[in-house]
PDB file of N, CA and C in Angstrom:
ATOM      1  N   UNK A   1      -8.053  27.062 -26.939  1.00  0.00           N
ATOM      2  CA  UNK A   1      -6.763  27.771 -27.010  1.00  0.00           C
ATOM      3  C   UNK A   1      -6.104  27.768 -28.609  1.00  0.00           C
ATOM      4  N   UNK A   2      -6.373  26.539 -29.154  1.00  0.00           N
ATOM      5  CA  UNK A   2      -5.515  26.443 -30.215  1.00  0.00           C
ATOM      6  C   UNK A   2      -6.371  27.521 -31.544  1.00  0.00           C
ATOM      7  N   UNK A   3      -7.456  27.577 -31.462  1.00  0.00           N
ATOM      8  CA  UNK A   3      -8.353  28.884 -32.444  1.00  0.00           C
ATOM      9  C   UNK A   3      -7.548  30.174 -32.181  1.00  0.00           C
ATOM     10  N   UNK A   4      -7.457  30.562 -30.625  1.00  0.00           N
ATOM     11  CA  UNK A   4      -7.106  31.844 -30.450  1.00  0.00           C
ATOM     12  C   UNK A   4      -5.682  31.919 -31.047  1.00  0.00           C
ATOM     13  N   UNK A   5      -4.840  30.739 -30.876  1.00  0.00           N
ATOM     14  CA  UNK A   5      -3.503  31.023 -31.267  1.00  0.00           C
ATOM     15  C   UNK A   5      -3.254  30.979 -32.697  1.00  0.00           C
ATOM     16  N   UNK A   6      -4.374  30.266 -33.591  1.00  0.00           N
ATOM     17  CA  UNK A   6      -4.042  30.580 -34.849  1.00  0.00           C
ATOM     18  C   UNK A   6      -4.412  31.798 -35.560  1.00  0.00           C
ATOM     19  N   UNK A   7      -5.517  32.470 -34.936  1.00  0.00           N
ATOM     20  CA  UNK A   7      -5.790  33.485 -35.237  1.00  0.00           C
ATOM     21  C   UNK A   7      -4.672  34.629 -35.079  1.00  0.00           C
ATOM     22  N   UNK A   8      -3.983  34.631 -33.671  1.00  0.00           N
ATOM     23  CA  UNK A   8      -3.016  35.264 -33.331  1.00  0.00           C
ATOM     24  C   UNK A   8      -1.847  35.390 -34.415  1.00  0.00           C
ATOM     25  N   UNK A   9      -1.402  34.074 -34.633  1.00  0.00           N
ATOM     26  CA  UNK A   9      -0.443  34.017 -35.700  1.00  0.00           C
ATOM     27  C   UNK A   9      -0.875  34.735 -37.132  1.00  0.00           C
ATOM     28  N   UNK A  10      -2.020  34.504 -37.493  1.00  0.00           N
ATOM     29  CA  UNK A  10      -2.477  34.871 -38.655  1.00  0.00           C
ATOM     30  C   UNK A  10      -2.480  36.501 -38.737  1.00  0.00           C
ATOM     31  N   UNK A  11      -2.782  37.110 -37.772  1.00  0.00           N
ATOM     32  CA  UNK A  11      -2.604  38.480 -37.447  1.00  0.00           C
ATOM     33  C   UNK A  11      -0.917  38.995 -37.525  1.00  0.00           C
ATOM     34  N   UNK A  12      -0.183  38.147 -36.758  1.00  0.00           N
ATOM     35  CA  UNK A  12       1.076  38.628 -36.849  1.00  0.00           C
ATOM     36  C   UNK A  12       1.852  38.395 -38.197  1.00  0.00           C
ATOM     37  N   UNK A  13       1.368  37.330 -39.226  1.00  0.00           N
ATOM     38  CA  UNK A  13       1.591  37.514 -40.477  1.00  0.00           C
ATOM     39  C   UNK A  13       1.014  38.561 -41.302  1.00  0.00           C
ATOM     40  N   UNK A  14      -0.239  38.685 -41.056  1.00  0.00           N
ATOM     41  CA  UNK A  14      -0.980  40.025 -41.805  1.00  0.00           C
ATOM     42  C   UNK A  14      -0.095  41.167 -41.621  1.00  0.00           C
ATOM     43  N   UNK A  15       0.225  41.685 -40.323  1.00  0.00           N
ATOM     44  CA  UNK A  15       0.800  42.686 -39.979  1.00  0.00           C
ATOM     45  C   UNK A  15       2.403  42.729 -40.642  1.00  0.00           C
ATOM     46  N   UNK A  16       3.152  41.519 -40.594  1.00  0.00           N
ATOM     47  CA  UNK A  16       4.321  41.464 -41.101  1.00  0.00           C
ATOM     48  C   UNK A  16       4.240  41.830 -42.879  1.00  0.00           C
ATOM     49  N   UNK A  17       3.411  41.074 -43.624  1.00  0.00           N
ATOM     50  CA  UNK A  17       3.118  41.474 -45.170  1.00  0.00           C
ATOM     51  C   UNK A  17       2.973  42.970 -45.059  1.00  0.00           C
ATOM     52  N   UNK A  18       1.896  43.429 -44.364  1.00  0.00           N
ATOM     53  CA  UNK A  18       1.802  44.951 -44.519  1.00  0.00           C
ATOM     54  C   UNK A  18       2.887  45.883 -44.384  1.00  0.00           C
ATOM     55  N   UNK A  19       3.941  45.499 -43.182  1.00  0.00           N
ATOM     56  CA  UNK A  19       4.997  46.462 -43.147  1.00  0.00           C
ATOM     57  C   UNK A  19       5.892  46.159 -44.079  1.00  0.00           C
ATOM     58  N   UNK A  20       5.965  44.841 -44.747  1.00  0.00           N
ATOM     59  CA  UNK A  20       6.908  44.798 -45.526  1.00  0.00           C
ATOM     60  C   UNK A  20       6.530  45.516 -46.994  1.00  0.00           C
ATOM     61  N   UNK A  21       5.368  45.459 -47.202  1.00  0.00           N
ATOM     62  CA  UNK A  21       4.750  46.182 -48.252  1.00  0.00           C
ATOM     63  C   UNK A  21       4.704  47.695 -48.139  1.00  0.00           C
ATOM     64  N   UNK A  22       4.622  48.155 -46.936  1.00  0.00           N
ATOM     65  CA  UNK A  22       5.117  49.863 -46.749  1.00  0.00           C
ATOM     66  C   UNK A  22       6.458  50.029 -46.984  1.00  0.00           C
ATOM     67  N   UNK A  23       7.259  49.354 -46.460  1.00  0.00           N
ATOM     68  CA  UNK A  23       8.953  49.104 -46.759  1.00  0.00           C
ATOM     69  C   UNK A  23       9.189  49.208 -47.786  1.00  0.00           C
ATOM     70  N   UNK A  24       8.627  48.571 -48.829  1.00  0.00           N
ATOM     71  CA  UNK A  24       9.092  48.258 -50.203  1.00  0.00           C
ATOM     72  C   UNK A  24       8.344  49.492 -51.179  1.00  0.00           C
ATOM     73  N   UNK A  25       7.399  50.116 -50.770  1.00  0.00           N
ATOM     74  CA  UNK A  25       6.684  51.055 -51.629  1.00  0.00           C
ATOM     75  C   UNK A  25       7.516  51.914 -51.065  1.00  0.00           C
ATOM     76  N   UNK A  26       7.923  52.483 -49.521  1.00  0.00           N
ATOM     77  CA  UNK A  26       8.796  53.424 -49.461  1.00  0.00           C
ATOM     78  C   UNK A  26      10.108  53.680 -50.044  1.00  0.00           C
ATOM     79  N   UNK A  27      10.926  52.479 -50.272  1.00  0.00           N
ATOM     80  CA  UNK A  27      11.787  52.157 -50.640  1.00  0.00           C
ATOM     81  C   UNK A  27      11.990  52.498 -52.706  1.00  0.00           C
ATOM     82  N   UNK A  28      10.951  52.003 -53.160  1.00  0.00           N
ATOM     83  CA  UNK A  28      10.668  52.173 -54.427  1.00  0.00           C
ATOM     84  C   UNK A  28      10.544  53.899 -54.664  1.00  0.00           C
ATOM     85  N   UNK A  29       9.891  54.497 -53.710  1.00  0.00           N
ATOM     86  CA  UNK A  29       9.640  56.063 -54.003  1.00  0.00           C
ATOM     87  C   UNK A  29      10.846  56.762 -53.575  1.00  0.00           C
ATOM     88  N   UNK A  30      11.560  56.263 -52.818  1.00  0.00           N
ATOM     89  CA  UNK A  30      12.822  57.106 -52.537  1.00  0.00           C
ATOM     90  C   UNK A  30      13.910  56.826 -53.668  1.00  0.00           C
ATOM     91  N   UNK A  31      14.118  55.534 -54.054  1.00  0.00           N
ATOM     92  CA  UNK A  31      14.849  55.324 -55.498  1.00  0.00           C
ATOM     93  C   UNK A  31      14.454  56.193 -56.425  1.00  0.00           C
ATOM     94  N   UNK A  32      13.085  56.273 -57.091  1.00  0.00           N
ATOM     95  CA  UNK A  32      12.433  56.773 -58.251  1.00  0.00           C
ATOM     96  C   UNK A  32      12.670  58.447 -57.887  1.00  0.00           C
ATOM     97  N   UNK A  33      12.523  58.748 -56.631  1.00  0.00           N
ATOM     98  CA  UNK A  33      12.887  60.332 -56.183  1.00  0.00           C
ATOM     99  C   UNK A  33      14.590  60.792 -56.704  1.00  0.00           C
ATOM    100  N   UNK A  34      15.184  59.762 -55.987  1.00  0.00           N
ATOM    101  CA  UNK A  34      16.937  59.847 -55.916  1.00  0.00           C
ATOM    102  C   UNK A  34      16.987  60.023 -57.345  1.00  0.00           C
ATOM    103  N   UNK A  35      16.607  59.270 -58.322  1.00  0.00           N
ATOM    104  CA  UNK A  35      17.080  59.398 -60.262  1.00  0.00           C
ATOM    105  C   UNK A  35      16.633  60.309 -60.294  1.00  0.00           C
ATOM    106  N   UNK A  36      15.087  60.883 -60.315  1.00  0.00           N
ATOM    107  CA  UNK A  36      14.834  62.130 -61.106  1.00  0.00           C
ATOM    108  C   UNK A  36      15.638  63.236 -60.526  1.00  0.00           C
ATOM    109  N   UNK A  37      16.049  63.528 -59.245  1.00  0.00           N
ATOM    110  CA  UNK A  37      16.876  64.332 -58.702  1.00  0.00           C
ATOM    111  C   UNK A  37      18.433  64.288 -59.213  1.00  0.00           C
ATOM    112  N   UNK A  38      18.741  63.380 -59.753  1.00  0.00           N
ATOM    113  CA  UNK A  38      20.097  62.939 -60.150  1.00  0.00           C
ATOM    114  C   UNK A  38      19.995  63.646 -61.396  1.00  0.00           C
ATOM    115  N   UNK A  39      18.847  63.652 -62.152  1.00  0.00           N
ATOM    116  CA  UNK A  39      18.740  64.194 -63.541  1.00  0.00           C
ATOM    117  C   UNK A  39      18.625  63.117 -64.303  1.00  0.00           C
ATOM    118  N   UNK A  40      18.331  61.697 -64.064  1.00  0.00           N
ATOM    119  CA  UNK A  40      18.060  60.602 -65.205  1.00  0.00           C
ATOM    120  C   UNK A  40      17.096  60.882 -66.099  1.00  0.00           C
ATOM    121  N   UNK A  41      16.104  61.569 -65.946  1.00  0.00           N
ATOM    122  CA  UNK A  41      15.065  61.842 -66.855  1.00  0.00           C
ATOM    123  C   UNK A  41      14.961  63.330 -67.427  1.00  0.00           C
ATOM    124  N   UNK A  42      16.162  63.782 -67.141  1.00  0.00           N
ATOM    125  CA  UNK A  42      16.245  65.344 -67.434  1.00  0.00           C
ATOM    126  C   UNK A  42      15.950  65.469 -69.194  1.00  0.00           C
ATOM    127  N   UNK A  43      16.654  64.701 -69.907  1.00  0.00           N
ATOM    128  CA  UNK A  43      16.691  65.006 -71.205  1.00  0.00           C
ATOM    129  C   UNK A  43      15.509  64.339 -72.017  1.00  0.00           C
ATOM    130  N   UNK A  44      14.304  63.650 -71.329  1.00  0.00           N
ATOM    131  CA  UNK A  44      13.134  63.057 -71.690  1.00  0.00           C
ATOM    132  C   UNK A  44      12.141  64.164 -72.131  1.00  0.00           C
TER     133      UNK A  44
END
């Protein structure tokens, strides 16, 4: 029972880290897109 519980918690941690990574990457993409849309890099 303990081994199955350990692998289950490890799987949950892995899913949480992947979910956080996806959210962070989407947030960075939105921020960069909004900056370019506002014309921050227009004069470069």
